[in-house]
Amino acid sequence: MYESYIKEIPIMDMKEEECDRSIIQSILESQKKLKIAHQNFEYANGDLIDYYSYQIKSEQAKIDYLLKQAKNKKLVLDTLNSKKYI
């Protein structure tokens, strides 16, 4: 019955490297969510069409923002090795 919740660490309390890792991780998670939303949109009916279209728009806006943040910090993700280079 009791659920444990993970307390999110405010960005201000993070070290630079942790912040960079968090940005990249958020981009990857948002890309997965966007892919799932696109797949669900293809099979949606009725009101779910609106729901998934808003979800797609929301995730895309989030990815755009995070990519700008990563670009400003000059972060690059090597997807083959899953390592971050500055």
PDB file of N, CA and C in Angstrom:
ATOM      1  N   MET A   1       0.807  -1.191   0.000  1.00  0.00           N
ATOM      2  CA  MET A   1       0.000   0.000   0.000  1.00  0.00           C
ATOM      3  C   MET A   1       0.856   1.262   0.000  1.00  0.00           C
ATOM      4  N   TYR A   2       1.968   1.205   0.666  1.00  0.00           N
ATOM      5  CA  TYR A   2       2.806   2.387   0.729  1.00  0.00           C
ATOM      6  C   TYR A   2       3.767   2.400  -0.453  1.00  0.00           C
ATOM      7  N   GLU A   3       3.825   3.523  -1.084  1.00  0.00           N
ATOM      8  CA  GLU A   3       4.732   3.667  -2.210  1.00  0.00           C
ATOM      9  C   GLU A   3       5.863   4.597  -1.809  1.00  0.00           C
ATOM     10  N   SER A   4       7.033   4.279  -2.287  1.00  0.00           N
ATOM     11  CA  SER A   4       8.158   5.171  -2.014  1.00  0.00           C
ATOM     12  C   SER A   4       8.363   6.066  -3.221  1.00  0.00           C
ATOM     13  N   TYR A   5       8.631   7.301  -2.972  1.00  0.00           N
ATOM     14  CA  TYR A   5       8.836   8.269  -4.026  1.00  0.00           C
ATOM     15  C   TYR A   5      10.277   8.737  -4.011  1.00  0.00           C
ATOM     16  N   ILE A   6      10.807   8.898  -5.190  1.00  0.00           N
ATOM     17  CA  ILE A   6      12.173   9.391  -5.318  1.00  0.00           C
ATOM     18  C   ILE A   6      12.117  10.904  -5.317  1.00  0.00           C
ATOM     19  N   LYS A   7      12.846  11.506  -4.419  1.00  0.00           N
ATOM     20  CA  LYS A   7      12.886  12.964  -4.359  1.00  0.00           C
ATOM     21  C   LYS A   7      13.805  13.470  -5.466  1.00  0.00           C
ATOM     22  N   GLU A   8      13.262  14.354  -6.283  1.00  0.00           N
ATOM     23  CA  GLU A   8      14.072  14.924  -7.343  1.00  0.00           C
ATOM     24  C   GLU A   8      15.004  15.976  -6.750  1.00  0.00           C
ATOM     25  N   ILE A   9      16.216  15.995  -7.261  1.00  0.00           N
ATOM     26  CA  ILE A   9      17.204  16.956  -6.795  1.00  0.00           C
ATOM     27  C   ILE A   9      17.069  18.213  -7.639  1.00  0.00           C
ATOM     28  N   PRO A  10      16.893  19.371  -7.002  1.00  0.00           N
ATOM     29  CA  PRO A  10      16.826  20.604  -7.785  1.00  0.00           C
ATOM     30  C   PRO A  10      18.114  20.799  -8.575  1.00  0.00           C
ATOM     31  N   ILE A  11      17.977  21.360  -9.772  1.00  0.00           N
ATOM     32  CA  ILE A  11      19.132  21.544 -10.644  1.00  0.00           C
ATOM     33  C   ILE A  11      20.196  22.403  -9.977  1.00  0.00           C
ATOM     34  N   MET A  12      19.784  23.363  -9.160  1.00  0.00           N
ATOM     35  CA  MET A  12      20.753  24.247  -8.510  1.00  0.00           C
ATOM     36  C   MET A  12      21.658  23.478  -7.558  1.00  0.00           C
ATOM     37  N   ASP A  13      21.173  22.356  -7.000  1.00  0.00           N
ATOM     38  CA  ASP A  13      21.958  21.576  -6.050  1.00  0.00           C
ATOM     39  C   ASP A  13      22.845  20.535  -6.729  1.00  0.00           C
ATOM     40  N   MET A  14      22.722  20.406  -8.055  1.00  0.00           N
ATOM     41  CA  MET A  14      23.503  19.417  -8.781  1.00  0.00           C
ATOM     42  C   MET A  14      24.869  19.976  -9.171  1.00  0.00           C
ATOM     43  N   LYS A  15      25.811  19.064  -9.294  1.00  0.00           N
ATOM     44  CA  LYS A  15      27.102  19.426  -9.841  1.00  0.00           C
ATOM     45  C   LYS A  15      26.950  19.580 -11.347  1.00  0.00           C
ATOM     46  N   GLU A  16      27.911  20.212 -11.988  1.00  0.00           N
ATOM     47  CA  GLU A  16      27.858  20.461 -13.426  1.00  0.00           C
ATOM     48  C   GLU A  16      27.706  19.164 -14.220  1.00  0.00           C
ATOM     49  N   GLU A  17      28.485  18.147 -13.868  1.00  0.00           N
ATOM     50  CA  GLU A  17      28.433  16.877 -14.579  1.00  0.00           C
ATOM     51  C   GLU A  17      27.087  16.183 -14.386  1.00  0.00           C
ATOM     52  N   GLU A  18      26.536  16.257 -13.178  1.00  0.00           N
ATOM     53  CA  GLU A  18      25.230  15.651 -12.920  1.00  0.00           C
ATOM     54  C   GLU A  18      24.141  16.364 -13.714  1.00  0.00           C
ATOM     55  N   CYS A  19      24.244  17.664 -13.825  1.00  0.00           N
ATOM     56  CA  CYS A  19      23.281  18.448 -14.591  1.00  0.00           C
ATOM     57  C   CYS A  19      23.343  18.066 -16.066  1.00  0.00           C
ATOM     58  N   ASP A  20      24.550  17.932 -16.598  1.00  0.00           N
ATOM     59  CA  ASP A  20      24.726  17.531 -17.995  1.00  0.00           C
ATOM     60  C   ASP A  20      24.137  16.151 -18.243  1.00  0.00           C
ATOM     61  N   ARG A  21      24.405  15.228 -17.332  1.00  0.00           N
ATOM     62  CA  ARG A  21      23.883  13.865 -17.453  1.00  0.00           C
ATOM     63  C   ARG A  21      22.358  13.873 -17.389  1.00  0.00           C
ATOM     64  N   SER A  22      21.805  14.717 -16.553  1.00  0.00           N
ATOM     65  CA  SER A  22      20.362  14.820 -16.413  1.00  0.00           C
ATOM     66  C   SER A  22      19.711  15.332 -17.698  1.00  0.00           C
ATOM     67  N   ILE A  23      20.343  16.298 -18.349  1.00  0.00           N
ATOM     68  CA  ILE A  23      19.816  16.830 -19.608  1.00  0.00           C
ATOM     69  C   ILE A  23      19.793  15.737 -20.670  1.00  0.00           C
ATOM     70  N   ILE A  24      20.882  15.023 -20.797  1.00  0.00           N
ATOM     71  CA  ILE A  24      20.963  13.962 -21.809  1.00  0.00           C
ATOM     72  C   ILE A  24      19.972  12.853 -21.509  1.00  0.00           C
ATOM     73  N   GLN A  25      19.872  12.469 -20.256  1.00  0.00           N
ATOM     74  CA  GLN A  25      18.926  11.423 -19.872  1.00  0.00           C
ATOM     75  C   GLN A  25      17.488  11.866 -20.163  1.00  0.00           C
ATOM     76  N   SER A  26      17.172  13.116 -19.901  1.00  0.00           N
ATOM     77  CA  SER A  26      15.834  13.632 -20.178  1.00  0.00           C
ATOM     78  C   SER A  26      15.528  13.631 -21.670  1.00  0.00           C
ATOM     79  N   ILE A  27      16.529  13.953 -22.492  1.00  0.00           N
ATOM     80  CA  ILE A  27      16.337  13.923 -23.946  1.00  0.00           C
ATOM     81  C   ILE A  27      16.019  12.506 -24.402  1.00  0.00           C
ATOM     82  N   LEU A  28      16.779  11.538 -23.921  1.00  0.00           N
ATOM     83  CA  LEU A  28      16.557  10.144 -24.320  1.00  0.00           C
ATOM     84  C   LEU A  28      15.190   9.639 -23.871  1.00  0.00           C
ATOM     85  N   GLU A  29      14.786   9.973 -22.645  1.00  0.00           N
ATOM     86  CA  GLU A  29      13.487   9.547 -22.140  1.00  0.00           C
ATOM     87  C   GLU A  29      12.354  10.195 -22.930  1.00  0.00           C
ATOM     88  N   SER A  30      12.519  11.469 -23.254  1.00  0.00           N
ATOM     89  CA  SER A  30      11.486  12.173 -24.017  1.00  0.00           C
ATOM     90  C   SER A  30      11.369  11.622 -25.435  1.00  0.00           C
ATOM     91  N   GLN A  31      12.488  11.223 -26.013  1.00  0.00           N
ATOM     92  CA  GLN A  31      12.443  10.625 -27.347  1.00  0.00           C
ATOM     93  C   GLN A  31      11.678   9.301 -27.316  1.00  0.00           C
ATOM     94  N   LYS A  32      11.867   8.512 -26.259  1.00  0.00           N
ATOM     95  CA  LYS A  32      11.123   7.258 -26.126  1.00  0.00           C
ATOM     96  C   LYS A  32       9.627   7.534 -25.974  1.00  0.00           C
ATOM     97  N   LYS A  33       9.287   8.516 -25.139  1.00  0.00           N
ATOM     98  CA  LYS A  33       7.881   8.872 -24.935  1.00  0.00           C
ATOM     99  C   LYS A  33       7.251   9.391 -26.220  1.00  0.00           C
ATOM    100  N   LEU A  34       8.012  10.153 -26.988  1.00  0.00           N
ATOM    101  CA  LEU A  34       7.516  10.681 -28.255  1.00  0.00           C
ATOM    102  C   LEU A  34       7.240   9.544 -29.243  1.00  0.00           C
ATOM    103  N   LYS A  35       8.142   8.593 -29.295  1.00  0.00           N
ATOM    104  CA  LYS A  35       7.961   7.444 -30.190  1.00  0.00           C
ATOM    105  C   LYS A  35       6.699   6.662 -29.808  1.00  0.00           C
ATOM    106  N   ILE A  36       6.497   6.445 -28.527  1.00  0.00           N
ATOM    107  CA  ILE A  36       5.314   5.722 -28.050  1.00  0.00           C
ATOM    108  C   ILE A  36       4.044   6.510 -28.365  1.00  0.00           C
ATOM    109  N   ALA A  37       4.093   7.831 -28.174  1.00  0.00           N
ATOM    110  CA  ALA A  37       2.925   8.663 -28.470  1.00  0.00           C
ATOM    111  C   ALA A  37       2.576   8.613 -29.957  1.00  0.00           C
ATOM    112  N   HIS A  38       3.592   8.600 -30.820  1.00  0.00           N
ATOM    113  CA  HIS A  38       3.349   8.481 -32.263  1.00  0.00           C
ATOM    114  C   HIS A  38       2.706   7.132 -32.592  1.00  0.00           C
ATOM    115  N   GLN A  39       3.196   6.072 -31.968  1.00  0.00           N
ATOM    116  CA  GLN A  39       2.635   4.749 -32.213  1.00  0.00           C
ATOM    117  C   GLN A  39       1.187   4.668 -31.733  1.00  0.00           C
ATOM    118  N   ASN A  40       0.919   5.225 -30.553  1.00  0.00           N
ATOM    119  CA  ASN A  40      -0.442   5.207 -30.020  1.00  0.00           C
ATOM    120  C   ASN A  40      -1.380   6.071 -30.857  1.00  0.00           C
ATOM    121  N   PHE A  41      -0.862   7.184 -31.381  1.00  0.00           N
ATOM    122  CA  PHE A  41      -1.676   8.073 -32.205  1.00  0.00           C
ATOM    123  C   PHE A  41      -2.190   7.356 -33.453  1.00  0.00           C
ATOM    124  N   GLU A  42      -1.367   6.480 -34.012  1.00  0.00           N
ATOM    125  CA  GLU A  42      -1.756   5.759 -35.224  1.00  0.00           C
ATOM    126  C   GLU A  42      -2.998   4.886 -35.011  1.00  0.00           C
ATOM    127  N   TYR A  43      -3.206   4.412 -33.804  1.00  0.00           N
ATOM    128  CA  TYR A  43      -4.321   3.517 -33.514  1.00  0.00           C
ATOM    129  C   TYR A  43      -5.409   4.168 -32.662  1.00  0.00           C
ATOM    130  N   ALA A  44      -5.304   5.462 -32.430  1.00  0.00           N
ATOM    131  CA  ALA A  44      -6.253   6.156 -31.563  1.00  0.00           C
ATOM    132  C   ALA A  44      -7.586   6.399 -32.264  1.00  0.00           C
ATOM    133  N   ASN A  45      -8.644   6.439 -31.461  1.00  0.00           N
ATOM    134  CA  ASN A  45      -9.992   6.740 -31.951  1.00  0.00           C
ATOM    135  C   ASN A  45     -10.607   7.824 -31.088  1.00  0.00           C
ATOM    136  N   GLY A  46     -11.471   8.613 -31.655  1.00  0.00           N
ATOM    137  CA  GLY A  46     -12.240   9.592 -30.892  1.00  0.00           C
ATOM    138  C   GLY A  46     -11.387  10.613 -30.169  1.00  0.00           C
ATOM    139  N   ASP A  47     -11.671  10.780 -28.878  1.00  0.00           N
ATOM    140  CA  ASP A  47     -10.974  11.783 -28.065  1.00  0.00           C
ATOM    141  C   ASP A  47      -9.502  11.463 -27.858  1.00  0.00           C
ATOM    142  N   LEU A  48      -9.141  10.201 -28.011  1.00  0.00           N
ATOM    143  CA  LEU A  48      -7.730   9.837 -27.834  1.00  0.00           C
ATOM    144  C   LEU A  48      -6.843  10.447 -28.919  1.00  0.00           C
ATOM    145  N   ILE A  49      -7.427  10.767 -30.058  1.00  0.00           N
ATOM    146  CA  ILE A  49      -6.648  11.428 -31.111  1.00  0.00           C
ATOM    147  C   ILE A  49      -6.136  12.765 -30.604  1.00  0.00           C
ATOM    148  N   ASP A  50      -7.022  13.536 -29.962  1.00  0.00           N
ATOM    149  CA  ASP A  50      -6.606  14.825 -29.395  1.00  0.00           C
ATOM    150  C   ASP A  50      -5.568  14.631 -28.296  1.00  0.00           C
ATOM    151  N   TYR A  51      -5.806  13.640 -27.446  1.00  0.00           N
ATOM    152  CA  TYR A  51      -4.881  13.381 -26.341  1.00  0.00           C
ATOM    153  C   TYR A  51      -3.469  13.107 -26.847  1.00  0.00           C
ATOM    154  N   TYR A  52      -3.351  12.200 -27.814  1.00  0.00           N
ATOM    155  CA  TYR A  52      -2.025  11.843 -28.308  1.00  0.00           C
ATOM    156  C   TYR A  52      -1.402  12.959 -29.139  1.00  0.00           C
ATOM    157  N   SER A  53      -2.223  13.734 -29.821  1.00  0.00           N
ATOM    158  CA  SER A  53      -1.647  14.858 -30.572  1.00  0.00           C
ATOM    159  C   SER A  53      -1.077  15.901 -29.616  1.00  0.00           C
ATOM    160  N   TYR A  54      -1.754  16.164 -28.502  1.00  0.00           N
ATOM    161  CA  TYR A  54      -1.207  17.084 -27.500  1.00  0.00           C
ATOM    162  C   TYR A  54       0.036  16.497 -26.841  1.00  0.00           C
ATOM    163  N   GLN A  55       0.026  15.199 -26.602  1.00  0.00           N
ATOM    164  CA  GLN A  55       1.189  14.554 -26.000  1.00  0.00           C
ATOM    165  C   GLN A  55       2.392  14.631 -26.939  1.00  0.00           C
ATOM    166  N   ILE A  56       2.154  14.429 -28.229  1.00  0.00           N
ATOM    167  CA  ILE A  56       3.235  14.529 -29.211  1.00  0.00           C
ATOM    168  C   ILE A  56       3.793  15.950 -29.237  1.00  0.00           C
ATOM    169  N   LYS A  57       2.892  16.917 -29.260  1.00  0.00           N
ATOM    170  CA  LYS A  57       3.324  18.323 -29.284  1.00  0.00           C
ATOM    171  C   LYS A  57       4.096  18.678 -28.013  1.00  0.00           C
ATOM    172  N   SER A  58       3.639  18.190 -26.889  1.00  0.00           N
ATOM    173  CA  SER A  58       4.292  18.460 -25.607  1.00  0.00           C
ATOM    174  C   SER A  58       5.691  17.857 -25.547  1.00  0.00           C
ATOM    175  N   GLU A  59       5.808  16.597 -25.923  1.00  0.00           N
ATOM    176  CA  GLU A  59       7.115  15.934 -25.885  1.00  0.00           C
ATOM    177  C   GLU A  59       8.087  16.570 -26.876  1.00  0.00           C
ATOM    178  N   GLN A  60       7.581  16.970 -28.053  1.00  0.00           N
ATOM    179  CA  GLN A  60       8.452  17.600 -29.036  1.00  0.00           C
ATOM    180  C   GLN A  60       8.963  18.947 -28.524  1.00  0.00           C
ATOM    181  N   ALA A  61       8.091  19.712 -27.860  1.00  0.00           N
ATOM    182  CA  ALA A  61       8.508  20.992 -27.290  1.00  0.00           C
ATOM    183  C   ALA A  61       9.557  20.775 -26.200  1.00  0.00           C
ATOM    184  N   LYS A  62       9.375  19.736 -25.404  1.00  0.00           N
ATOM    185  CA  LYS A  62      10.338  19.420 -24.346  1.00  0.00           C
ATOM    186  C   LYS A  62      11.690  19.036 -24.947  1.00  0.00           C
ATOM    187  N   ILE A  63      11.667  18.211 -25.984  1.00  0.00           N
ATOM    188  CA  ILE A  63      12.908  17.805 -26.645  1.00  0.00           C
ATOM    189  C   ILE A  63      13.612  19.004 -27.256  1.00  0.00           C
ATOM    190  N   ASP A  64      12.844  19.885 -27.914  1.00  0.00           N
ATOM    191  CA  ASP A  64      13.435  21.085 -28.515  1.00  0.00           C
ATOM    192  C   ASP A  64      14.136  21.933 -27.462  1.00  0.00           C
ATOM    193  N   TYR A  65      13.468  22.125 -26.315  1.00  0.00           N
ATOM    194  CA  TYR A  65      14.057  22.907 -25.229  1.00  0.00           C
ATOM    195  C   TYR A  65      15.334  22.252 -24.710  1.00  0.00           C
ATOM    196  N   LEU A  66      15.271  20.954 -24.460  1.00  0.00           N
ATOM    197  CA  LEU A  66      16.435  20.255 -23.918  1.00  0.00           C
ATOM    198  C   LEU A  66      17.599  20.233 -24.909  1.00  0.00           C
ATOM    199  N   LEU A  67      17.293  20.123 -26.200  1.00  0.00           N
ATOM    200  CA  LEU A  67      18.354  20.156 -27.207  1.00  0.00           C
ATOM    201  C   LEU A  67      19.035  21.526 -27.247  1.00  0.00           C
ATOM    202  N   LYS A  68      18.252  22.587 -27.061  1.00  0.00           N
ATOM    203  CA  LYS A  68      18.852  23.929 -26.992  1.00  0.00           C
ATOM    204  C   LYS A  68      19.774  24.044 -25.783  1.00  0.00           C
ATOM    205  N   GLN A  69      19.332  23.488 -24.657  1.00  0.00           N
ATOM    206  CA  GLN A  69      20.156  23.512 -23.449  1.00  0.00           C
ATOM    207  C   GLN A  69      21.448  22.731 -23.676  1.00  0.00           C
ATOM    208  N   ALA A  70      21.331  21.577 -24.288  1.00  0.00           N
ATOM    209  CA  ALA A  70      22.516  20.746 -24.554  1.00  0.00           C
ATOM    210  C   ALA A  70      23.450  21.445 -25.533  1.00  0.00           C
ATOM    211  N   LYS A  71      22.891  22.081 -26.528  1.00  0.00           N
ATOM    212  CA  LYS A  71      23.710  22.790 -27.515  1.00  0.00           C
ATOM    213  C   LYS A  71      24.448  23.955 -26.867  1.00  0.00           C
ATOM    214  N   ASN A  72      23.760  24.694 -25.999  1.00  0.00           N
ATOM    215  CA  ASN A  72      24.396  25.814 -25.291  1.00  0.00           C
ATOM    216  C   ASN A  72      25.541  25.352 -24.403  1.00  0.00           C
ATOM    217  N   LYS A  73      25.422  24.155 -23.859  1.00  0.00           N
ATOM    218  CA  LYS A  73      26.474  23.604 -23.005  1.00  0.00           C
ATOM    219  C   LYS A  73      27.502  22.813 -23.814  1.00  0.00           C
ATOM    220  N   LYS A  74      27.274  22.733 -25.137  1.00  0.00           N
ATOM    221  CA  LYS A  74      28.165  22.007 -26.038  1.00  0.00           C
ATOM    222  C   LYS A  74      28.278  20.527 -25.653  1.00  0.00           C
ATOM    223  N   LEU A  75      27.133  19.923 -25.344  1.00  0.00           N
ATOM    224  CA  LEU A  75      27.087  18.503 -25.003  1.00  0.00           C
ATOM    225  C   LEU A  75      26.849  17.689 -26.264  1.00  0.00           C
ATOM    226  N   VAL A  76      27.504  16.541 -26.335  1.00  0.00           N
ATOM    227  CA  VAL A  76      27.323  15.623 -27.447  1.00  0.00           C
ATOM    228  C   VAL A  76      27.151  14.233 -26.861  1.00  0.00           C
ATOM    229  N   LEU A  77      26.194  13.495 -27.403  1.00  0.00           N
ATOM    230  CA  LEU A  77      25.966  12.133 -26.938  1.00  0.00           C
ATOM    231  C   LEU A  77      26.425  11.167 -28.008  1.00  0.00           C
ATOM    232  N   ASP A  78      27.329  10.304 -27.646  1.00  0.00           N
ATOM    233  CA  ASP A  78      27.789   9.251 -28.539  1.00  0.00           C
ATOM    234  C   ASP A  78      26.852   8.067 -28.328  1.00  0.00           C
ATOM    235  N   THR A  79      25.886   7.891 -29.231  1.00  0.00           N
ATOM    236  CA  THR A  79      24.861   6.868 -29.038  1.00  0.00           C
ATOM    237  C   THR A  79      25.400   5.454 -29.154  1.00  0.00           C
ATOM    238  N   LEU A  80      26.516   5.277 -29.826  1.00  0.00           N
ATOM    239  CA  LEU A  80      27.075   3.929 -29.947  1.00  0.00           C
ATOM    240  C   LEU A  80      27.713   3.473 -28.643  1.00  0.00           C
ATOM    241  N   ASN A  81      28.386   4.389 -27.969  1.00  0.00           N
ATOM    242  CA  ASN A  81      29.077   4.028 -26.738  1.00  0.00           C
ATOM    243  C   ASN A  81      28.355   4.517 -25.492  1.00  0.00           C
ATOM    244  N   SER A  82      27.261   5.283 -25.685  1.00  0.00           N
ATOM    245  CA  SER A  82      26.505   5.847 -24.569  1.00  0.00           C
ATOM    246  C   SER A  82      27.384   6.631 -23.618  1.00  0.00           C
ATOM    247  N   LYS A  83      28.280   7.413 -24.164  1.00  0.00           N
ATOM    248  CA  LYS A  83      29.140   8.269 -23.351  1.00  0.00           C
ATOM    249  C   LYS A  83      28.904   9.708 -23.758  1.00  0.00           C
ATOM    250  N   LYS A  84      29.138  10.598 -22.821  1.00  0.00           N
ATOM    251  CA  LYS A  84      28.960  12.015 -23.065  1.00  0.00           C
ATOM    252  C   LYS A  84      30.330  12.662 -23.194  1.00  0.00           C
ATOM    253  N   TYR A  85      30.451  13.523 -24.165  1.00  0.00           N
ATOM    254  CA  TYR A  85      31.693  14.260 -24.344  1.00  0.00           C
ATOM    255  C   TYR A  85      31.394  15.741 -24.259  1.00  0.00           C
ATOM    256  N   ILE A  86      32.262  16.468 -23.625  1.00  0.00           N
ATOM    257  CA  ILE A  86      32.097  17.931 -23.528  1.00  0.00           C
ATOM    258  C   ILE A  86      33.096  18.583 -24.451  1.00  0.00           C
TER     259      ILE A  86
END
